[in-house]
Amino acid sequence: MSTVSLPVTTERLVVRLFTQDDLDDLYAYQSLPDVARYLYRPPLTREQCAESLARRVGGTPWAEDGDSLALAVCRADDAGVLGEVVLKLASARARQAEIGWVFNPAHGGRGYAIEAARAAAALAFDELGAHRLFARLDVLNTGSVRVCERLGMRREAHLVENDLDGERWGSEYVYAMLARERQADRA
């Protein structure tokens, strides 16, 4: 894996690799229908969460298209997992990475998602060498729209009814930011 400095600490959070001890917290939000509806998949069973956790522990290499880094997000004063941020290498050649986040709704409305997403974006640009960072999200997921906009990402696309979730057609936004835009925004 490319060298990344983990854990990352922010004002209120610790962003770290998942451990086997995180199963209960992971299942607590990945099993919720309200969480799964924006992920175009059904809620995960405890067994599926355990399998997912086994893949996440220790991270993955960051060298080939599809490699990903899923990170647990915890409050600095509490070890429990609030949610996760994920960086996926979409194109190694073009240095494009996708960012995503999933949080337990019990911890919503406190700004944890934007704080963790900023930390993950810094990892993507500053340590993993991303040229372009993008996010894909359901247009009905207004919380994630706000996170993208607060990160300084621009809306690049609105894909209409591009995915089928059971019997519901879902539409998607694509937001993105280039490394140079982030640098200019920080200056």
Protein backbone atom coordinates (compact mmCIF):
# COMPACT_ATOMS: atom_id res chain seq x y z
CA MET A 1 0.00 0.00 0.00
CA SER A 2 1.21 3.53 -0.65
CA THR A 3 2.40 5.04 2.56
CA VAL A 4 -0.38 6.82 4.42
CA SER A 5 -0.11 8.29 7.86
CA LEU A 6 -2.75 6.56 9.94
CA PRO A 7 -4.53 7.19 12.11
CA VAL A 8 -5.50 10.70 11.07
CA THR A 9 -6.79 12.94 13.81
CA THR A 10 -8.99 15.97 13.34
CA GLU A 11 -10.40 18.36 15.89
CA ARG A 12 -12.98 15.81 17.08
CA LEU A 13 -12.29 12.57 15.21
CA VAL A 14 -9.86 9.73 14.69
CA VAL A 15 -9.85 8.16 11.20
CA ARG A 16 -8.16 4.76 11.27
CA LEU A 17 -8.08 1.29 9.76
CA PHE A 18 -10.88 -1.02 10.83
CA THR A 19 -10.15 -3.77 13.35
CA GLN A 20 -11.97 -7.03 14.07
CA ASP A 21 -13.36 -5.38 17.21
CA ASP A 22 -15.46 -3.02 15.06
CA LEU A 23 -18.03 -5.62 13.97
CA ASP A 24 -20.85 -4.55 16.30
CA ASP A 25 -20.49 -0.88 15.36
CA LEU A 26 -20.24 -1.66 11.63
CA TYR A 27 -23.34 -3.87 11.77
CA ALA A 28 -25.23 -1.21 13.74
CA TYR A 29 -25.38 1.08 10.69
CA GLN A 30 -24.74 -1.21 7.68
CA SER A 31 -27.84 -3.23 8.64
CA LEU A 32 -30.17 -0.22 8.51
CA PRO A 33 -32.58 0.18 5.57
CA ASP A 34 -32.20 3.98 5.80
CA VAL A 35 -28.46 3.61 5.20
CA ALA A 36 -28.67 0.97 2.47
CA ARG A 37 -31.23 2.89 0.38
CA TYR A 38 -28.55 5.30 -0.81
CA LEU A 39 -26.09 2.50 -1.54
CA TYR A 40 -28.30 0.67 -4.06
CA ARG A 41 -28.18 -2.56 -2.12
CA PRO A 42 -30.12 -4.20 0.66
CA PRO A 43 -29.05 -3.83 4.30
CA LEU A 44 -26.16 -6.12 5.24
CA THR A 45 -26.56 -9.11 7.52
CA ARG A 46 -24.18 -9.58 10.44
CA GLU A 47 -22.41 -12.30 8.44
CA GLN A 48 -21.98 -9.97 5.45
CA CYS A 49 -20.61 -7.27 7.77
CA ALA A 50 -18.11 -9.77 9.19
CA GLU A 51 -16.98 -10.68 5.65
CA SER A 52 -16.69 -7.01 4.72
CA LEU A 53 -14.74 -6.29 7.88
CA ALA A 54 -12.31 -9.13 7.17
CA ARG A 55 -11.51 -7.49 3.79
CA ARG A 56 -11.07 -4.05 5.35
CA VAL A 57 -8.77 -4.90 8.24
CA GLY A 58 -5.23 -3.94 7.34
CA GLY A 59 -6.26 -2.03 4.22
CA THR A 60 -5.43 -2.96 0.65
CA PRO A 61 -2.63 -2.00 -1.71
CA TRP A 62 -3.11 1.32 -3.49
CA ALA A 63 -1.68 0.47 -6.90
CA GLU A 64 -4.33 -0.92 -9.26
CA ASP A 65 -7.74 0.19 -10.43
CA GLY A 66 -10.33 -0.87 -7.85
CA ASP A 67 -8.00 -0.88 -4.83
CA SER A 68 -9.67 0.79 -1.88
CA LEU A 69 -8.98 2.07 1.58
CA ALA A 70 -11.93 1.86 3.99
CA LEU A 71 -11.39 3.78 7.19
CA ALA A 72 -13.31 3.73 10.45
CA VAL A 73 -14.36 7.10 11.86
CA CYS A 74 -14.43 7.43 15.64
CA ARG A 75 -14.80 10.33 18.03
CA ALA A 76 -11.49 11.21 19.66
CA ASP A 77 -13.06 10.75 23.10
CA ASP A 78 -14.82 7.45 22.30
CA ALA A 79 -13.45 4.39 20.49
CA GLY A 80 -16.82 3.40 18.96
CA VAL A 81 -17.19 3.61 15.17
CA LEU A 82 -19.55 6.37 13.98
CA GLY A 83 -19.20 5.52 10.31
CA GLU A 84 -16.63 5.20 7.58
CA VAL A 85 -14.92 6.98 4.72
CA VAL A 86 -13.73 5.07 1.70
CA LEU A 87 -11.19 5.98 -0.95
CA LYS A 88 -11.21 3.85 -4.10
CA LEU A 89 -8.58 4.04 -6.81
CA ALA A 90 -10.73 4.47 -9.91
CA SER A 91 -7.84 4.92 -12.34
CA ALA A 92 -4.22 4.42 -11.37
CA ARG A 93 -3.00 5.81 -14.71
CA ALA A 94 -5.12 8.98 -14.46
CA ARG A 95 -4.68 9.24 -10.66
CA GLN A 96 -8.41 9.42 -10.08
CA ALA A 97 -9.94 8.39 -6.77
CA GLU A 98 -13.52 8.06 -5.64
CA ILE A 99 -14.51 9.12 -2.15
CA GLY A 100 -17.52 7.92 -0.22
CA TRP A 101 -18.85 7.90 3.32
CA VAL A 102 -21.43 6.02 5.31
CA PHE A 103 -22.44 7.04 8.82
CA ASN A 104 -24.74 5.73 11.48
CA PRO A 105 -27.78 8.06 11.41
CA ALA A 106 -27.69 8.10 15.22
CA HIS A 107 -24.66 10.40 14.88
CA GLY A 108 -26.05 12.59 12.10
CA GLY A 109 -26.28 16.35 12.09
CA ARG A 110 -23.05 16.95 14.01
CA GLY A 111 -20.69 17.57 11.08
CA TYR A 112 -18.79 14.30 11.49
CA ALA A 113 -19.18 13.34 7.81
CA ILE A 114 -17.66 16.58 6.49
CA GLU A 115 -14.84 16.47 9.05
CA ALA A 116 -13.97 12.88 8.13
CA ALA A 117 -14.37 13.53 4.39
CA ARG A 118 -11.94 16.46 4.62
CA ALA A 119 -9.40 14.17 6.29
CA ALA A 120 -9.90 11.51 3.62
CA ALA A 121 -9.59 14.08 0.82
CA ALA A 122 -6.31 15.25 2.33
CA LEU A 123 -5.08 11.64 2.32
CA ALA A 124 -6.14 11.22 -1.31
CA PHE A 125 -4.44 14.38 -2.56
CA ASP A 126 -1.49 14.83 -0.24
CA GLU A 127 -0.40 11.26 0.45
CA LEU A 128 -1.86 9.07 -2.29
CA GLY A 129 -1.17 11.53 -5.12
CA ALA A 130 -4.69 11.83 -6.54
CA HIS A 131 -5.13 14.28 -9.40
CA ARG A 132 -8.95 14.14 -9.30
CA LEU A 133 -11.27 13.13 -6.48
CA PHE A 134 -14.91 12.42 -7.22
CA ALA A 135 -18.04 11.27 -5.42
CA ARG A 136 -21.13 9.56 -6.81
CA LEU A 137 -24.33 9.83 -4.82
CA ASP A 138 -28.06 9.38 -5.01
CA VAL A 139 -29.73 12.74 -5.77
CA LEU A 140 -32.11 12.17 -2.86
CA ASN A 141 -29.19 11.96 -0.42
CA THR A 142 -29.26 15.64 0.52
CA GLY A 143 -26.83 15.14 3.40
CA SER A 144 -24.14 13.84 1.05
CA VAL A 145 -24.87 16.63 -1.43
CA ARG A 146 -24.11 19.12 1.38
CA VAL A 147 -20.90 17.25 2.27
CA CYS A 148 -19.69 17.43 -1.35
CA GLU A 149 -20.47 21.12 -1.60
CA ARG A 150 -18.81 21.91 1.75
CA LEU A 151 -15.72 20.02 0.55
CA GLY A 152 -15.57 22.45 -2.38
CA MET A 153 -16.47 19.85 -5.00
CA ARG A 154 -18.40 20.92 -8.07
CA ARG A 155 -21.36 19.03 -9.52
CA GLU A 156 -20.19 17.60 -12.84
CA ALA A 157 -23.10 15.38 -13.79
CA HIS A 158 -26.70 14.49 -13.09
CA LEU A 159 -27.37 10.96 -14.32
CA VAL A 160 -31.12 10.43 -14.58
CA GLU A 161 -32.54 7.02 -13.65
CA ASN A 162 -29.18 5.34 -14.20
CA ASP A 163 -29.53 2.62 -11.56
CA LEU A 164 -32.29 0.29 -10.44
CA ASP A 165 -32.75 -0.36 -6.74
CA GLY A 166 -35.36 -3.08 -6.51
CA GLU A 167 -38.29 -1.41 -8.23
CA ARG A 168 -37.08 2.19 -7.83
CA TRP A 169 -35.06 3.95 -10.47
CA GLY A 170 -32.33 5.98 -8.88
CA SER A 171 -30.69 9.09 -10.23
CA GLU A 172 -27.15 10.07 -9.39
CA TYR A 173 -25.00 13.16 -9.03
CA VAL A 174 -21.27 13.16 -9.68
CA TYR A 175 -19.22 15.72 -7.79
CA ALA A 176 -15.46 16.26 -8.28
CA MET A 177 -12.46 18.33 -7.38
CA LEU A 178 -8.98 18.53 -8.87
CA ALA A 179 -5.84 18.68 -6.76
CA ARG A 180 -5.02 22.17 -8.08
CA GLU A 181 -8.51 23.39 -7.15
CA ARG A 182 -8.04 22.14 -3.62
CA GLN A 183 -4.67 23.87 -3.40
CA ALA A 184 -6.17 27.13 -4.67
CA ASP A 185 -9.07 26.81 -2.21
CA ARG A 186 -6.66 26.26 0.69
CA ALA A 187 -4.47 29.27 -0.26
